[in-house]
């Protein structure tokens, strides 16, 4: 198939350079890995993403069969994703012009604003409608519920997401919890398929057995806990820091955000340092900054436990990556975590925004190294058998084919 992917704010090219900024995270990796695997499976993929720097070339080869095309929509500079809505008409116009002469077999929109552009261009080819498949990656209804007045999304996001769900030919939800949200929004259930995120099993694995089990000791023989996250408030990094106050024999490495040399100027880092000072754990929290993709697996393998405590999580790639490395998880019982983390089997689930519950779960596992080792083995096996990108891409291509067939029948 000729596949068009639209990822208006999250360029797959950024996935190689280290993530963790406010708008750089799982979607970049998701799009990059899915596109590359579809290319390996014989498809031809063009990823359309916004030009956010003046010197970017028009087209860049990402992988065999995969090209990234930079779309001139809005100023050629970094713009927060919540401010991009006014430029989506230009983005959609560009797609319409491109597809009028070179229509793809299917368009897969990532994030709701990409869906607006894709639907605008879906009838570009004069002879047929181009089927549109939508993956939201995050829903405005969930964000508004948890962030309230702190939600910086455009005012019409929820209304537009509902319209996209009704206008798209197929919806891919990344977890079962999202299906319930979509149904409550009025999105037709027969159009929704669940296809999870995947994990790169070549990059993420338990490592060489000669190196010993995952989870080396931290400084002064302390247990090492690792958080890897975009540094935004809803990711719950402050919860992990507060939990550390109840764990005197542990230290916490926080990876994500700007490069290490720029940490002092980052507002969220300053806030989190304040939380650490208030909790009395400043000497046991290490802010690492942005981590290159190639360094993520060694970082995760260095942990006794990986801790991921967001208020809500549409899917959550870090738990999968840690599981593939054979490291147990303590995670909040939200969103995609409910599908990926087997409570008591590959990790422990705790309520969001509850430092005491998180500390209790961490303590339980730190005090039982045999159970931790068993969870690590189960985690790696679950990641390998259920979440390979080969399986995810094949299931996604199946959704594409069904959407295309339904469009042909309708025509």
Protein backbone atom coordinates (compact mmCIF):
# COMPACT_ATOMS: atom_id res chain seq x y z
CA UNK A 1 0.00 0.00 0.00
CA UNK A 2 0.90 3.65 -0.44
CA UNK A 3 0.41 5.04 3.06
CA UNK A 4 0.27 8.70 4.07
CA UNK A 5 0.93 9.37 7.75
CA UNK A 6 0.14 12.80 9.12
CA UNK A 7 1.89 13.82 12.34
CA UNK A 8 1.59 17.58 12.39
CA UNK A 9 3.66 18.40 15.51
CA UNK A 10 5.61 15.18 16.23
CA UNK A 11 8.29 14.54 13.64
CA UNK A 12 9.59 10.98 13.50
CA UNK A 13 13.04 12.43 12.79
CA UNK A 14 13.16 13.76 16.35
CA UNK A 15 12.95 10.22 17.75
CA UNK A 16 16.65 9.66 17.09
CA UNK A 17 17.88 12.76 18.85
CA UNK A 18 16.61 12.23 22.38
CA UNK A 19 13.17 13.12 23.70
CA UNK A 20 11.61 14.48 26.84
CA UNK A 21 10.63 18.06 26.00
CA UNK A 22 7.11 19.38 26.50
CA UNK A 23 6.02 18.34 22.98
CA UNK A 24 8.59 15.63 22.23
CA UNK A 25 7.76 12.15 23.42
CA UNK A 26 5.99 8.92 22.62
CA UNK A 27 4.18 10.06 19.47
CA UNK A 28 7.50 10.82 17.74
CA UNK A 29 8.74 7.30 18.51
CA UNK A 30 5.39 5.70 17.68
CA UNK A 31 5.24 7.27 14.22
CA UNK A 32 8.91 6.57 13.48
CA UNK A 33 8.77 2.91 14.51
CA UNK A 34 5.40 2.16 12.91
CA UNK A 35 6.42 3.79 9.61
CA UNK A 36 9.77 1.97 9.54
CA UNK A 37 8.16 -1.40 10.23
CA UNK A 38 5.49 -0.85 7.57
CA UNK A 39 8.35 -0.09 5.19
CA UNK A 40 10.05 -3.35 6.17
CA UNK A 41 6.80 -5.18 5.44
CA UNK A 42 6.79 -3.87 1.85
CA UNK A 43 4.61 -0.77 2.06
CA UNK A 44 5.52 2.75 0.92
CA UNK A 45 5.07 5.41 3.60
CA UNK A 46 5.24 9.19 3.44
CA UNK A 47 5.09 10.95 6.82
CA UNK A 48 3.87 14.54 6.59
CA UNK A 49 5.01 16.73 9.49
CA UNK A 50 5.17 20.51 9.90
CA UNK A 51 8.29 22.38 8.86
CA UNK A 52 9.52 23.82 12.16
CA UNK A 53 12.93 25.17 11.07
CA UNK A 54 13.84 27.17 7.95
CA UNK A 55 16.76 24.98 6.84
CA UNK A 56 14.89 21.67 6.77
CA UNK A 57 14.91 19.89 3.40
CA UNK A 58 11.58 19.25 1.74
CA UNK A 59 11.95 15.47 1.90
CA UNK A 60 14.13 13.21 4.06
CA UNK A 61 14.52 9.43 3.84
CA UNK A 62 13.77 7.93 7.26
CA UNK A 63 14.09 4.22 6.45
CA UNK A 64 13.72 1.88 3.45
CA UNK A 65 10.36 2.68 1.89
CA UNK A 66 9.77 5.62 4.27
CA UNK A 67 10.08 9.35 3.51
CA UNK A 68 9.41 12.32 5.78
CA UNK A 69 7.98 15.38 4.00
CA UNK A 70 8.07 18.78 5.69
CA UNK A 71 4.87 20.76 5.21
CA UNK A 72 5.00 24.58 5.06
CA UNK A 73 2.17 25.42 7.46
CA UNK A 74 2.78 28.29 9.84
CA UNK A 75 6.13 29.86 10.67
CA UNK A 76 9.22 27.67 10.12
CA UNK A 77 10.06 27.59 13.83
CA UNK A 78 9.16 25.71 16.99
CA UNK A 79 5.55 26.38 17.99
CA UNK A 80 3.82 24.70 20.97
CA UNK A 81 1.39 22.11 19.65
CA UNK A 82 -1.57 23.74 21.39
CA UNK A 83 -0.95 26.86 19.26
CA UNK A 84 -0.93 25.07 15.90
CA UNK A 85 -4.66 24.90 15.18
CA UNK A 86 -4.78 28.10 13.02
CA UNK A 87 -2.29 26.52 10.61
CA UNK A 88 -4.16 23.26 10.03
CA UNK A 89 -6.14 24.70 7.12
CA UNK A 90 -2.84 25.40 5.34
CA UNK A 91 -1.62 21.92 6.25
CA UNK A 92 -4.79 20.37 4.80
CA UNK A 93 -4.52 22.49 1.65
CA UNK A 94 -0.97 21.25 1.10
CA UNK A 95 -2.08 17.61 1.47
CA UNK A 96 -4.99 18.19 -0.89
CA UNK A 97 -2.67 19.57 -3.57
CA UNK A 98 -0.21 16.70 -3.14
CA UNK A 99 -2.86 14.00 -3.14
CA UNK A 100 -4.74 15.38 -6.15
CA UNK A 101 -1.96 13.99 -8.36
CA UNK A 102 -0.41 11.32 -6.07
CA UNK A 103 -3.23 9.94 -3.89
CA UNK A 104 -2.26 7.43 -1.20
CA UNK A 105 -4.25 4.24 -0.65
CA UNK A 106 -4.90 5.30 2.95
CA UNK A 107 -4.17 8.27 5.23
CA UNK A 108 -3.34 7.66 8.89
CA UNK A 109 -3.67 10.77 11.07
CA UNK A 110 -1.80 10.94 14.37
CA UNK A 111 -3.26 13.38 16.93
CA UNK A 112 -6.50 15.27 16.49
CA UNK A 113 -5.14 18.25 14.55
CA UNK A 114 -3.61 15.88 12.01
CA UNK A 115 -7.09 14.42 11.63
CA UNK A 116 -8.50 17.82 10.68
CA UNK A 117 -5.90 18.21 7.92
CA UNK A 118 -6.36 14.65 6.65
CA UNK A 119 -10.15 14.90 6.47
CA UNK A 120 -9.87 18.21 4.63
CA UNK A 121 -7.73 16.50 1.98
CA UNK A 122 -9.50 13.12 1.86
CA UNK A 123 -11.46 13.94 -1.31
CA UNK A 124 -8.47 15.38 -3.15
CA UNK A 125 -8.34 12.56 -5.70
CA UNK A 126 -11.11 13.23 -8.24
CA UNK A 127 -11.93 9.54 -8.75
CA UNK A 128 -12.29 8.41 -5.13
CA UNK A 129 -12.34 9.20 -1.42
CA UNK A 130 -9.06 8.50 0.37
CA UNK A 131 -9.84 6.46 3.53
CA UNK A 132 -8.77 8.22 6.74
CA UNK A 133 -7.67 6.27 9.82
CA UNK A 134 -7.38 8.26 13.05
CA UNK A 135 -5.18 7.63 16.11
CA UNK A 136 -5.71 10.31 18.76
CA UNK A 137 -2.73 9.56 21.04
CA UNK A 138 -4.50 11.67 23.67
CA UNK A 139 -8.10 12.79 24.09
CA UNK A 140 -9.23 16.27 25.08
CA UNK A 141 -12.00 14.89 27.30
CA UNK A 142 -9.44 13.05 29.43
CA UNK A 143 -7.03 15.97 29.51
CA UNK A 144 -9.78 18.38 30.58
CA UNK A 145 -10.99 15.98 33.28
CA UNK A 146 -7.57 15.74 34.90
CA UNK A 147 -6.11 19.20 34.24
CA UNK A 148 -9.19 21.40 34.46
CA UNK A 149 -8.28 25.08 34.13
CA UNK A 150 -4.63 24.13 33.51
CA UNK A 151 -5.56 22.55 30.19
CA UNK A 152 -3.99 24.68 27.45
CA UNK A 153 -5.79 22.96 24.56
CA UNK A 154 -7.70 25.10 22.05
CA UNK A 155 -11.26 25.81 23.21
CA UNK A 156 -12.90 23.71 20.46
CA UNK A 157 -10.73 20.61 20.85
CA UNK A 158 -13.35 18.26 22.31
CA UNK A 159 -16.00 19.27 19.77
CA UNK A 160 -13.54 18.82 16.90
CA UNK A 161 -12.30 15.47 18.20
CA UNK A 162 -15.88 14.23 18.24
CA UNK A 163 -16.38 15.41 14.65
CA UNK A 164 -13.14 13.72 13.56
CA UNK A 165 -14.25 10.45 15.16
CA UNK A 166 -17.51 10.56 13.23
CA UNK A 167 -15.86 11.61 9.98
CA UNK A 168 -12.92 9.20 9.89
CA UNK A 169 -13.36 5.83 8.20
CA UNK A 170 -11.63 3.96 11.03
CA UNK A 171 -10.27 4.75 14.49
CA UNK A 172 -7.30 3.01 16.10
CA UNK A 173 -7.40 3.15 19.89
CA UNK A 174 -4.14 2.26 21.61
CA UNK A 175 -5.77 0.75 24.71
CA UNK A 176 -9.12 -0.62 25.86
CA UNK A 177 -9.71 2.32 28.21
CA UNK A 178 -9.70 4.65 25.19
CA UNK A 179 -12.52 2.67 23.57
CA UNK A 180 -14.84 3.59 26.46
CA UNK A 181 -13.86 7.25 26.13
CA UNK A 182 -14.55 7.24 22.39
CA UNK A 183 -17.91 5.55 22.85
CA UNK A 184 -18.90 8.15 25.43
CA UNK A 185 -17.97 10.85 22.88
CA UNK A 186 -20.41 9.35 20.37
CA UNK A 187 -17.83 7.80 18.06
CA UNK A 188 -19.39 4.75 16.32
CA UNK A 189 -18.03 1.66 18.06
CA UNK A 190 -17.95 -0.41 14.87
CA UNK A 191 -15.25 1.88 13.49
CA UNK A 192 -12.90 1.45 16.48
CA UNK A 193 -10.11 -1.15 16.62
CA UNK A 194 -7.58 -1.56 19.43
CA UNK A 195 -3.96 -1.79 18.29
CA UNK A 196 -1.39 -1.10 21.01
CA UNK A 197 1.94 0.61 20.77
CA UNK A 198 5.00 -1.53 20.13
CA UNK A 199 8.55 -1.76 21.42
CA UNK A 200 11.83 -2.13 19.51
CA UNK A 201 12.99 -5.56 20.65
CA UNK A 202 16.38 -5.10 19.00
CA UNK A 203 17.04 -1.98 21.05
CA UNK A 204 15.29 -2.96 24.28
CA UNK A 205 16.16 -6.29 25.87
CA UNK A 206 17.45 -7.75 29.13
CA UNK A 207 21.06 -7.37 28.01
CA UNK A 208 23.96 -9.78 28.13
CA UNK A 209 23.45 -12.40 30.90
CA UNK A 210 27.16 -12.04 31.70
CA UNK A 211 26.42 -8.51 32.89
CA UNK A 212 24.24 -9.90 35.68
CA UNK A 213 20.58 -9.12 36.37
CA UNK A 214 19.12 -5.67 35.74
CA UNK A 215 19.17 -3.16 38.55
CA UNK A 216 22.64 -2.28 39.69
CA UNK A 217 23.05 -0.45 42.99
CA UNK A 218 23.07 3.34 43.06
CA UNK A 219 25.34 5.56 45.11
CA UNK A 220 26.26 4.32 48.59
CA UNK A 221 24.59 0.99 47.83
CA UNK A 222 21.13 2.51 47.49
CA UNK A 223 18.45 1.05 45.27
CA UNK A 224 18.20 2.96 42.00
CA UNK A 225 14.77 4.05 40.78
CA UNK A 226 14.39 5.52 37.30
CA UNK A 227 11.76 7.87 35.86
CA UNK A 228 11.88 8.52 32.10
CA UNK A 229 9.30 11.04 30.96
CA UNK A 230 8.39 14.23 29.24
CA UNK A 231 8.66 16.84 31.97
CA UNK A 232 5.12 18.16 32.16
CA UNK A 233 3.07 18.25 35.35
CA UNK A 234 0.56 15.56 34.42
CA UNK A 235 3.37 12.96 34.15
CA UNK A 236 3.49 12.80 37.95
CA UNK A 237 7.26 13.09 38.40
CA UNK A 238 6.57 15.10 41.57
CA UNK A 239 4.69 12.09 42.96
CA UNK A 240 7.78 9.92 42.48
CA UNK A 241 9.94 12.53 44.22
CA UNK A 242 7.56 12.75 47.18
CA UNK A 243 7.46 8.94 47.39
CA UNK A 244 11.24 8.96 47.78
CA UNK A 245 10.84 10.60 51.20
CA UNK A 246 9.43 7.26 52.43
CA UNK A 247 12.29 5.25 50.87
CA UNK A 248 15.52 6.24 52.65
CA UNK A 249 17.56 3.47 50.99
CA UNK A 250 16.68 4.55 47.42
CA UNK A 251 17.73 7.23 44.96
CA UNK A 252 15.82 8.53 41.94
CA UNK A 253 17.20 9.29 38.47
CA UNK A 254 14.86 11.56 36.45
CA UNK A 255 15.50 11.50 32.70
CA UNK A 256 13.76 13.83 30.28
CA UNK A 257 13.37 17.51 29.59
CA UNK A 258 16.02 19.72 28.00
CA UNK A 259 19.67 18.74 27.55
CA UNK A 260 21.60 18.56 30.82
CA UNK A 261 23.31 21.91 30.26
CA UNK A 262 19.94 23.68 29.94
CA UNK A 263 18.24 22.22 33.02
CA UNK A 264 18.69 25.29 35.22
CA UNK A 265 16.57 27.42 32.87
CA UNK A 266 13.66 24.97 32.63
CA UNK A 267 10.55 25.96 34.65
CA UNK A 268 9.43 22.38 35.31
CA UNK A 269 12.90 21.39 36.51
CA UNK A 270 12.87 24.34 38.90
CA UNK A 271 9.46 23.27 40.19
CA UNK A 272 10.57 19.67 40.68
CA UNK A 273 13.74 20.76 42.46
CA UNK A 274 11.49 22.71 44.81
CA UNK A 275 9.42 19.58 45.43
CA UNK A 276 12.60 17.63 46.19
CA UNK A 277 13.77 20.31 48.64
CA UNK A 278 10.37 20.36 50.35
CA UNK A 279 10.44 16.55 50.67
CA UNK A 280 14.00 16.58 52.01
CA UNK A 281 15.39 14.37 49.22
CA UNK A 282 17.46 16.82 47.16
CA UNK A 283 20.63 14.77 47.66
CA UNK A 284 18.90 11.63 46.35
CA UNK A 285 17.33 13.00 43.15
CA UNK A 286 19.47 13.23 40.01
CA UNK A 287 18.06 15.19 37.08
CA UNK A 288 19.77 13.73 34.00
CA UNK A 289 18.08 15.75 31.27
CA UNK A 290 17.42 14.57 27.73
CA UNK A 291 18.64 11.06 26.94
CA UNK A 292 19.63 9.91 23.45
CA UNK A 293 17.50 7.05 22.15
CA UNK A 294 20.48 4.67 22.12
CA UNK A 295 21.10 5.35 25.82
CA UNK A 296 17.57 4.65 27.04
CA UNK A 297 17.88 0.86 27.35
CA UNK A 298 21.09 0.98 29.46
CA UNK A 299 19.44 3.61 31.68
CA UNK A 300 16.38 1.41 32.23
CA UNK A 301 18.51 -1.68 32.86
CA UNK A 302 20.40 0.24 35.56
CA UNK A 303 17.22 0.46 37.65
CA UNK A 304 16.01 -1.77 40.44
CA UNK A 305 12.57 -0.52 39.42
CA UNK A 306 11.19 1.86 36.80
CA UNK A 307 8.56 4.22 38.19
CA UNK A 308 5.95 5.88 35.95
CA UNK A 309 3.18 7.77 37.76
CA UNK A 310 1.19 10.00 35.35
CA UNK A 311 -2.25 11.29 36.25
CA UNK A 312 -3.52 9.81 32.97
CA UNK A 313 -1.76 8.05 30.11
CA UNK A 314 -3.19 7.34 26.63
CA UNK A 315 -0.74 4.46 26.25
CA UNK A 316 2.68 4.85 27.83
CA UNK A 317 5.77 3.59 25.99
CA UNK A 318 8.18 3.63 28.93
CA UNK A 319 6.53 0.70 30.73
CA UNK A 320 6.86 -1.39 27.56
CA UNK A 321 10.50 -0.44 27.12
CA UNK A 322 11.28 -1.25 30.75
CA UNK A 323 9.41 -4.56 30.49
CA UNK A 324 11.38 -5.49 27.40
CA UNK A 325 14.57 -4.79 29.38
CA UNK A 326 13.40 -7.17 32.11
CA UNK A 327 12.81 -4.44 34.71
CA UNK A 328 9.63 -4.45 36.84
CA UNK A 329 7.36 -1.38 36.92
CA UNK A 330 5.49 0.59 39.52
CA UNK A 331 2.88 2.49 37.50
CA UNK A 332 -0.37 4.33 37.98
CA UNK A 333 -3.53 2.37 37.20
CA UNK A 334 -4.57 4.56 34.28
CA UNK A 335 -5.07 4.31 30.52
CA UNK A 336 -2.69 2.05 28.66
CA UNK A 337 -0.99 0.88 31.86
CA UNK A 338 -4.11 -1.17 32.60
CA UNK A 339 -3.41 -3.21 29.44
CA UNK A 340 0.38 -3.47 29.48
CA UNK A 341 1.26 -3.90 33.15
CA UNK A 342 -0.03 -7.10 34.76
CA UNK A 343 -0.61 -6.06 38.37
CA UNK A 344 1.34 -8.48 40.55
CA UNK A 345 2.83 -10.19 37.49
CA UNK A 346 5.06 -7.68 35.67
CA UNK A 347 4.80 -4.85 38.18
CA UNK A 348 2.43 -3.13 40.58
CA UNK A 349 -0.32 -0.59 39.83
CA UNK A 350 -1.08 2.28 42.21
CA UNK A 351 -3.53 5.20 42.25
CA UNK A 352 -2.35 8.45 40.64
CA UNK A 353 -1.18 11.38 42.78
CA UNK A 354 -0.62 9.15 45.83
CA UNK A 355 3.03 9.23 46.98
CA UNK A 356 2.38 6.99 49.97
CA UNK A 357 0.81 4.26 47.82
CA UNK A 358 3.68 4.50 45.32
CA UNK A 359 6.25 4.26 48.11
CA UNK A 360 4.48 1.25 49.62
CA UNK A 361 4.52 -0.58 46.25
CA UNK A 362 8.18 0.26 45.66
CA UNK A 363 9.06 -0.88 49.19
CA UNK A 364 7.22 -4.16 48.66
CA UNK A 365 9.30 -4.98 45.59
CA UNK A 366 12.63 -3.67 46.86
CA UNK A 367 12.29 -5.93 49.90
CA UNK A 368 11.68 -9.02 47.73
CA UNK A 369 14.50 -9.46 45.18
CA UNK A 370 13.28 -12.94 44.19
CA UNK A 371 9.86 -11.59 43.29
CA UNK A 372 11.48 -8.70 41.43
CA UNK A 373 13.58 -11.10 39.37
CA UNK A 374 10.51 -13.22 38.53
CA UNK A 375 8.61 -10.11 37.47
CA UNK A 376 11.52 -9.08 35.26
CA UNK A 377 11.45 -12.42 33.44
CA UNK A 378 7.67 -12.24 33.01
CA UNK A 379 7.95 -8.64 31.79
CA UNK A 380 10.47 -9.43 29.07
CA UNK A 381 8.40 -12.40 27.90
CA UNK A 382 5.20 -10.33 27.73
CA UNK A 383 6.88 -7.55 25.77
CA UNK A 384 8.43 -10.02 23.32
CA UNK A 385 5.27 -12.03 22.63
CA UNK A 386 2.65 -9.25 22.55
CA UNK A 387 4.24 -5.94 21.63
CA UNK A 388 6.71 -6.37 18.78
CA UNK A 389 6.48 -3.67 16.12
CA UNK A 390 6.14 -6.41 13.51
CA UNK A 391 2.88 -7.52 15.10
CA UNK A 392 1.64 -3.96 15.67
CA UNK A 393 2.37 -2.92 12.06
CA UNK A 394 0.65 -6.01 10.65
CA UNK A 395 -2.45 -5.34 12.75
CA UNK A 396 -2.41 -1.68 11.71
CA UNK A 397 -2.17 -2.61 8.03
CA UNK A 398 -5.20 -4.84 8.59
CA UNK A 399 -7.17 -1.80 9.79
CA UNK A 400 -6.02 0.12 6.70
CA UNK A 401 -7.26 -2.63 4.38
CA UNK A 402 -10.65 -2.89 6.06
CA UNK A 403 -11.10 0.90 5.87
CA UNK A 404 -10.19 0.89 2.17
CA UNK A 405 -12.60 -1.98 1.47
CA UNK A 406 -15.44 -0.17 3.23
CA UNK A 407 -14.78 2.96 1.15
CA UNK A 408 -14.91 0.91 -2.04
CA UNK A 409 -18.21 -0.65 -1.03
CA UNK A 410 -19.64 2.78 -0.15
CA UNK A 411 -18.53 4.16 -3.51
